[in-house]
Protein backbone atom coordinates (compact mmCIF):
# COMPACT_ATOMS: atom_id res chain seq x y z
CA MET A 1 -5.98 9.18 -4.89
CA LYS A 2 -5.55 11.27 -1.74
CA ASN A 3 -9.58 11.10 -0.73
CA PHE A 4 -9.85 7.33 -1.94
CA LEU A 5 -6.96 5.98 0.25
CA LEU A 6 -8.95 7.54 2.83
CA VAL A 7 -12.14 6.08 2.08
CA ALA A 8 -11.10 2.69 1.21
CA SER A 9 -8.77 3.01 4.93
CA ALA A 10 -12.33 3.63 6.54
CA ILE A 11 -14.26 1.55 4.97
CA LEU A 12 -11.97 -1.49 5.96
CA LEU A 13 -11.57 -0.72 9.41
CA CYS A 14 -15.32 -0.60 10.18
CA SER A 15 -16.00 -4.16 10.71
CA ILE A 16 -15.25 -7.16 12.20
CA THR A 17 -17.56 -10.22 13.54
CA ALA A 18 -16.45 -11.88 16.65
CA CYS A 19 -14.46 -14.86 16.47
CA ASN A 20 -11.89 -17.27 18.32
CA LYS A 21 -8.85 -17.73 17.18
CA GLY A 22 -9.24 -21.64 17.35
CA ASN A 23 -12.41 -21.19 14.50
CA LEU A 24 -10.77 -19.23 11.49
CA PRO A 25 -13.14 -19.08 8.36
CA GLY A 26 -12.64 -20.82 5.54
CA PRO A 27 -13.96 -20.59 1.74
CA GLY A 28 -17.16 -19.68 1.90
CA SER A 29 -17.59 -18.05 5.70
CA ASN A 30 -19.71 -15.11 6.37
CA SER A 31 -16.96 -13.74 8.95
CA ILE A 32 -14.87 -10.69 8.07
CA ILE A 33 -12.05 -12.98 9.80
CA GLY A 34 -8.65 -13.42 7.40
CA LYS A 35 -6.82 -11.85 4.25
CA TRP A 36 -8.99 -9.89 1.61
CA ARG A 37 -7.39 -8.56 -1.70
CA TRP A 38 -9.12 -5.66 -3.54
CA VAL A 39 -10.58 -6.20 -6.88
CA LYS A 40 -11.92 -2.58 -7.36
CA SER A 41 -13.93 0.67 -5.89
CA VAL A 42 -16.52 2.65 -7.87
CA GLY A 43 -17.85 5.96 -6.92
CA GLY A 44 -16.69 9.42 -6.21
CA ILE A 45 -18.99 12.28 -8.11
CA GLY A 46 -17.63 10.75 -10.91
CA GLY A 47 -18.80 7.45 -10.79
CA PHE A 48 -15.40 6.01 -11.45
CA THR A 49 -14.13 2.64 -11.39
CA VAL A 50 -10.84 2.42 -10.32
CA THR A 51 -8.44 -1.44 -10.38
CA PRO A 52 -5.33 -2.43 -9.51
CA GLN A 53 -4.91 -2.04 -13.32
CA SER A 54 -5.74 1.24 -13.67
CA SER A 55 -4.10 2.58 -10.63
CA GLY A 56 -1.62 0.71 -10.42
CA ARG A 57 -1.51 -0.85 -6.98
CA THR A 58 -3.09 -3.68 -5.05
CA PHE A 59 -4.52 -3.22 -1.42
CA ARG A 60 -4.68 -6.09 1.04
CA ASN A 61 -6.62 -5.78 4.27
CA GLU A 62 -6.33 -8.26 7.02
CA PHE A 63 -8.95 -8.62 9.71
CA ASN A 64 -7.64 -11.00 13.28
CA ALA A 65 -9.26 -12.76 15.22
CA ASP A 66 -7.87 -10.65 18.05
CA SER A 67 -9.77 -7.19 16.48
CA SER A 68 -6.86 -5.78 14.97
CA PHE A 69 -6.68 -4.81 11.23
CA LYS A 70 -3.36 -3.91 8.80
CA ARG A 71 -3.92 -2.96 5.21
CA PHE A 72 -1.24 -2.67 2.95
CA GLN A 73 -0.21 -0.96 -0.08
CA ASN A 74 2.24 -2.99 -2.71
CA ASP A 75 2.45 -5.53 0.24
CA THR A 76 3.86 -2.22 2.56
CA LEU A 77 2.06 -1.80 5.88
CA LEU A 78 -0.01 1.29 5.01
CA ILE A 79 -2.13 1.64 8.44
CA SER A 80 -2.92 -0.38 11.45
CA GLY A 81 -5.73 -0.74 14.13
CA ASN A 82 -8.65 -2.35 15.35
CA PHE A 83 -12.05 -3.44 14.05
CA ARG A 84 -14.73 -3.82 15.36
CA THR A 85 -18.45 -4.70 13.43
CA ILE A 86 -22.52 -3.91 14.29
CA LYS A 87 -24.78 -6.53 13.05
CA ASP A 88 -28.16 -5.40 11.94
CA TYR A 89 -27.54 -1.46 12.39
CA LYS A 90 -31.00 0.18 11.89
CA TYR A 91 -29.48 2.76 9.10
CA SER A 92 -33.08 3.79 8.56
CA PRO A 93 -36.76 3.13 9.66
CA THR A 94 -36.93 0.60 6.80
CA GLN A 95 -33.60 -0.87 6.64
CA THR A 96 -30.45 -2.48 8.76
CA VAL A 97 -27.17 -2.74 7.49
CA ASP A 98 -24.13 -4.60 9.28
CA ILE A 99 -21.41 -2.11 10.29
CA LEU A 100 -17.46 -2.29 10.30
CA SER A 101 -15.51 0.52 11.91
CA ILE A 102 -11.91 0.93 12.10
CA SER A 103 -10.16 2.88 14.41
CA GLY A 104 -6.63 3.65 15.42
CA PRO A 105 -3.87 6.46 15.91
CA ALA A 106 -4.03 8.99 13.22
CA LEU A 107 -7.16 7.46 11.45
CA ASP A 108 -10.29 8.73 11.02
CA THR A 109 -12.45 6.96 9.87
CA ARG A 110 -16.29 6.71 9.19
CA PRO A 111 -18.21 3.47 9.84
CA VAL A 112 -19.08 1.47 6.64
CA SER A 113 -21.70 -1.38 5.91
CA TYR A 114 -20.65 -4.46 4.72
CA LEU A 115 -21.66 -7.65 3.17
CA ILE A 116 -19.85 -10.99 2.67
CA ARG A 117 -21.35 -12.98 0.06
CA HIS A 118 -19.27 -15.99 -0.95
CA ASP A 119 -15.81 -15.34 -0.74
CA SER A 120 -16.57 -11.26 -1.68
CA LEU A 121 -16.57 -8.20 0.66
CA TYR A 122 -18.38 -5.43 -0.20
CA LEU A 123 -18.14 -2.03 1.77
CA ASN A 124 -19.99 0.57 0.82
CA ASP A 125 -20.07 4.56 2.17
CA ILE A 126 -23.39 5.01 3.86
CA TYR A 127 -22.85 8.38 5.45
CA ILE A 128 -21.40 9.80 2.23
CA ALA A 129 -23.94 10.35 -1.20
CA ASP A 130 -20.86 10.23 -3.70
CA GLY A 131 -18.82 7.90 -1.66
CA TYR A 132 -16.55 4.70 -2.76
CA ASN A 133 -17.96 1.28 -2.92
CA GLU A 134 -15.33 -1.21 -2.64
CA VAL A 135 -14.87 -5.05 -3.47
CA TYR A 136 -12.94 -7.48 -1.86
CA VAL A 137 -12.44 -11.17 -2.55
CA ARG A 138 -10.99 -13.97 -0.07
CA MET A 139 -7.56 -14.66 -0.22
CA LYS A 140 -7.02 -18.61 0.14
């Protein structure tokens, strides 16, 4: 579970898009700015699926327009730091992805790819073959 928290934290900390405070995104936006509720994580060596129901934990990630990041577990602040995003990162000779990177005191995070579709945020490990892929929904 400790590895799951580290991977989940790293993934969340690795992405942001440029946005100003006066123009916060609404539903259906492709901006990462806002609050995101964890739905599930899938992966690991065994291909496990972990949900709030199966783990007994909830997670919420907050990406702010000033590039600050906060992660809450069961409504208690778990980690905080800063994030940045890189658009169209050339991951391989034939593939580009958008990258999310999160940093802060005592954080050892790896960049993750992110994709926003409708009101869902998908975070995927790109440098770990058996890492976790996470799904979040935008909180209204």
